[in-house]
N, C-alpha and C. Protein backbone atom coordinates (compact mmCIF):
# COMPACT_ATOMS: atom_id res chain seq x y z
N MET A 1 -12.96 -24.19 27.70
CA MET A 1 -12.35 -23.55 26.86
C MET A 1 -12.67 -23.77 25.86
N ILE A 2 -12.48 -22.83 24.52
CA ILE A 2 -12.71 -23.46 23.40
C ILE A 2 -11.04 -23.58 22.82
N ARG A 3 -11.40 -24.53 21.11
CA ARG A 3 -10.38 -25.05 20.36
C ARG A 3 -10.69 -23.97 19.50
N PHE A 4 -9.68 -23.13 18.86
CA PHE A 4 -9.60 -22.94 17.00
C PHE A 4 -8.29 -22.99 16.48
N SER A 5 -8.59 -23.34 15.38
CA SER A 5 -7.59 -22.83 14.44
C SER A 5 -6.70 -21.23 14.25
N LEU A 6 -5.74 -21.20 14.49
CA LEU A 6 -5.70 -19.84 13.86
C LEU A 6 -4.17 -19.37 12.79
N ARG A 7 -4.73 -18.77 12.12
CA ARG A 7 -3.16 -18.53 11.05
C ARG A 7 -2.85 -17.52 10.86
N ILE A 8 -1.35 -16.98 11.39
CA ILE A 8 -0.49 -15.82 11.47
C ILE A 8 0.78 -16.16 10.32
N PRO A 9 1.28 -15.15 9.71
CA PRO A 9 2.33 -15.22 9.19
C PRO A 9 3.42 -15.33 10.04
N ALA A 10 4.61 -16.46 8.90
CA ALA A 10 5.63 -16.98 9.87
C ALA A 10 6.51 -15.62 11.05
N ASP A 11 6.55 -13.99 10.25
CA ASP A 11 7.80 -13.12 11.40
C ASP A 11 6.42 -13.31 12.78
N PRO A 12 5.13 -12.85 12.65
CA PRO A 12 4.58 -12.93 13.96
C PRO A 12 4.50 -13.64 14.66
N HIS A 13 5.00 -15.41 14.50
CA HIS A 13 4.48 -15.99 14.86
C HIS A 13 5.96 -16.49 15.71
N GLU A 14 7.08 -15.86 14.55
CA GLU A 14 8.52 -15.66 15.74
C GLU A 14 8.52 -14.66 16.36
N GLN A 15 8.03 -14.16 16.36
CA GLN A 15 8.23 -12.93 17.54
C GLN A 15 7.27 -13.19 18.62
N VAL A 16 5.59 -13.97 18.94
CA VAL A 16 5.74 -14.73 19.77
C VAL A 16 5.77 -16.00 20.44
N THR A 17 6.48 -16.71 19.50
CA THR A 17 7.47 -17.62 20.29
C THR A 17 8.87 -17.13 21.10
N ALA A 18 9.65 -16.33 20.25
CA ALA A 18 10.90 -16.30 21.14
C ALA A 18 10.10 -15.12 22.33
N ARG A 19 8.96 -14.63 22.79
CA ARG A 19 8.33 -14.00 23.40
C ARG A 19 8.18 -15.29 24.83
N ALA A 20 7.74 -15.91 24.20
CA ALA A 20 7.29 -17.13 24.82
C ALA A 20 8.20 -17.68 25.55
N ALA A 21 9.20 -18.15 24.50
CA ALA A 21 10.82 -18.49 25.16
C ALA A 21 10.79 -17.88 26.50
N ALA A 22 10.96 -16.06 26.13
CA ALA A 22 12.07 -14.92 27.03
C ALA A 22 11.10 -15.69 28.25
N ASP A 23 9.64 -15.35 28.90
CA ASP A 23 8.67 -15.27 29.55
C ASP A 23 8.38 -16.49 30.76
N ARG A 24 9.59 -17.47 29.45
CA ARG A 24 8.82 -18.52 30.14
C ARG A 24 7.75 -19.84 29.89
N ARG A 25 6.87 -19.67 29.05
CA ARG A 25 5.24 -19.76 28.80
C ARG A 25 5.24 -20.49 27.52
N SER A 26 4.30 -21.18 27.90
CA SER A 26 3.96 -22.43 26.14
C SER A 26 3.35 -20.84 25.63
N LEU A 27 3.81 -21.58 24.65
CA LEU A 27 2.87 -20.37 22.79
C LEU A 27 0.96 -19.80 23.10
N ASN A 28 0.75 -21.09 23.53
CA ASN A 28 -0.80 -20.64 24.04
C ASN A 28 -0.63 -19.80 25.31
N SER A 29 -0.05 -20.25 26.72
CA SER A 29 -0.18 -19.31 27.33
C SER A 29 0.10 -17.87 27.11
N GLU A 30 1.29 -17.74 26.00
CA GLU A 30 2.01 -16.95 26.78
C GLU A 30 1.28 -15.60 25.33
N ILE A 31 -0.07 -16.39 23.73
CA ILE A 31 -1.06 -16.01 23.58
C ILE A 31 -2.17 -15.40 24.09
N LEU A 32 -2.34 -15.86 24.99
CA LEU A 32 -3.57 -15.62 25.88
C LEU A 32 -3.43 -14.16 26.95
N HIS A 33 -1.84 -14.63 27.60
CA HIS A 33 -1.10 -13.27 28.08
C HIS A 33 -1.33 -12.02 27.39
N LEU A 34 -1.11 -12.15 25.91
CA LEU A 34 -1.26 -11.09 25.48
C LEU A 34 -2.56 -10.79 24.99
N LEU A 35 -3.62 -11.47 24.38
CA LEU A 35 -5.02 -11.50 24.73
C LEU A 35 -5.75 -10.50 25.95
N GLU A 36 -5.07 -10.81 26.75
CA GLU A 36 -5.74 -10.37 28.51
C GLU A 36 -4.84 -8.81 28.36
N VAL A 37 -4.07 -9.12 28.05
CA VAL A 37 -3.37 -7.19 28.26
C VAL A 37 -3.68 -6.32 27.14
N ALA A 38 -3.82 -6.98 26.19
CA ALA A 38 -4.31 -6.36 25.29
C ALA A 38 -5.93 -5.48 25.25
N LEU A 39 -6.81 -6.54 25.70
CA LEU A 39 -8.17 -6.70 26.26
C LEU A 39 -8.71 -5.68 27.26
N THR A 40 -7.33 -5.25 27.83
CA THR A 40 -7.78 -5.10 29.54
C THR A 40 -7.63 -3.11 29.67
N ALA A 41 -6.18 -3.11 28.87
CA ALA A 41 -5.65 -2.00 28.24
C ALA A 41 -6.43 -0.99 28.00
N PRO A 42 -6.08 0.55 28.40
CA PRO A 42 -7.06 1.44 28.12
C PRO A 42 -7.55 1.81 26.47
N ARG A 43 -8.23 1.92 26.14
CA ARG A 43 -8.08 2.26 24.72
C ARG A 43 -7.58 3.61 24.60
N PRO A 44 -6.61 4.05 23.00
CA PRO A 44 -6.35 5.16 23.29
C PRO A 44 -7.00 6.25 22.94
N ASP A 45 -8.45 5.83 21.80
CA ASP A 45 -9.87 6.89 21.75
C ASP A 45 -10.06 6.85 22.82
N ALA A 46 -10.48 6.48 23.75
CA ALA A 46 -11.71 6.11 25.15
C ALA A 46 -11.81 7.64 25.05
N GLY A 47 -10.78 8.91 25.48
CA GLY A 47 -11.31 9.88 25.51
C GLY A 47 -11.27 11.22 24.72
N SER A 48 -11.40 10.64 23.48
CA SER A 48 -12.05 11.49 22.03
C SER A 48 -13.40 11.10 21.91
N PRO A 49 -13.94 12.72 21.58
CA PRO A 49 -15.47 12.23 21.06
C PRO A 49 -16.02 11.49 20.06
N GLY A 50 -16.58 10.50 20.31
CA GLY A 50 -16.83 9.19 19.46
C GLY A 50 -15.95 8.21 19.87
N GLY A 51 -14.97 8.34 21.01
CA GLY A 51 -14.45 6.68 21.21
C GLY A 51 -14.85 6.13 22.39
N ASP A 52 -15.99 6.95 22.90
CA ASP A 52 -16.88 5.02 23.40
C ASP A 52 -17.03 4.44 22.58
N PRO A 53 -16.75 3.19 22.96
CA PRO A 53 -16.90 1.73 22.30
C PRO A 53 -18.73 1.24 21.99
N VAL A 54 -19.71 1.93 22.94
CA VAL A 54 -21.09 1.46 22.93
C VAL A 54 -21.91 2.22 21.97
N SER A 55 -21.13 3.72 21.35
CA SER A 55 -21.49 4.96 20.53
C SER A 55 -21.33 4.01 19.12
N PRO A 56 -22.31 4.42 18.14
CA PRO A 56 -21.54 4.02 16.71
C PRO A 56 -20.73 4.46 15.89
N ALA A 57 -20.07 4.22 15.43
CA ALA A 57 -18.68 4.82 15.00
C ALA A 57 -19.50 6.38 13.92
N PRO A 58 -19.18 7.71 13.56
CA PRO A 58 -19.62 8.42 12.41
C PRO A 58 -19.89 7.35 11.25
N LEU A 59 -20.85 7.93 10.56
CA LEU A 59 -21.17 7.86 9.23
C LEU A 59 -19.87 8.30 8.27
N ARG A 60 -19.71 7.82 7.56
CA ARG A 60 -18.50 8.23 6.79
C ARG A 60 -19.51 8.45 5.06
N GLY A 61 -19.13 9.12 4.01
CA GLY A 61 -19.50 9.01 3.10
C GLY A 61 -20.38 10.39 2.76
N LYS A 62 -21.44 10.29 1.47
CA LYS A 62 -22.67 11.43 1.45
C LYS A 62 -23.40 11.52 2.34
N PRO A 63 -23.49 13.13 2.50
CA PRO A 63 -25.00 13.23 3.86
C PRO A 63 -25.65 13.00 2.96
N ASP A 64 -26.84 12.66 4.62
CA ASP A 64 -28.34 12.57 4.21
C ASP A 64 -28.73 13.14 2.99
N SER A 65 -29.64 12.57 1.79
CA SER A 65 -30.37 14.51 1.12
C SER A 65 -31.97 13.50 0.88
N SER A 66 -32.41 13.47 2.37
CA SER A 66 -33.46 13.15 3.16
C SER A 66 -33.94 14.33 3.51
N PRO A 67 -34.64 14.99 3.53
CA PRO A 67 -35.83 15.96 3.69
C PRO A 67 -35.64 16.13 5.95
N ALA A 68 -35.35 16.75 6.79
CA ALA A 68 -35.22 16.52 8.41
C ALA A 68 -36.65 16.95 8.71
């Protein structure tokens, strides 16, 4: 397991701490649980064009002015 420091604002920390207490988990276990849930949930844009995480996002800004 990898160990690292995480800095978060007080409000989200309080929310996660309260959730951990309600779920009878340690703060570390609660954060791991929330990450697992978030990473396994279907992405809301998965069904839309360009929502495939493998395909790159469309470019924004000026169109290419070079000849095709």
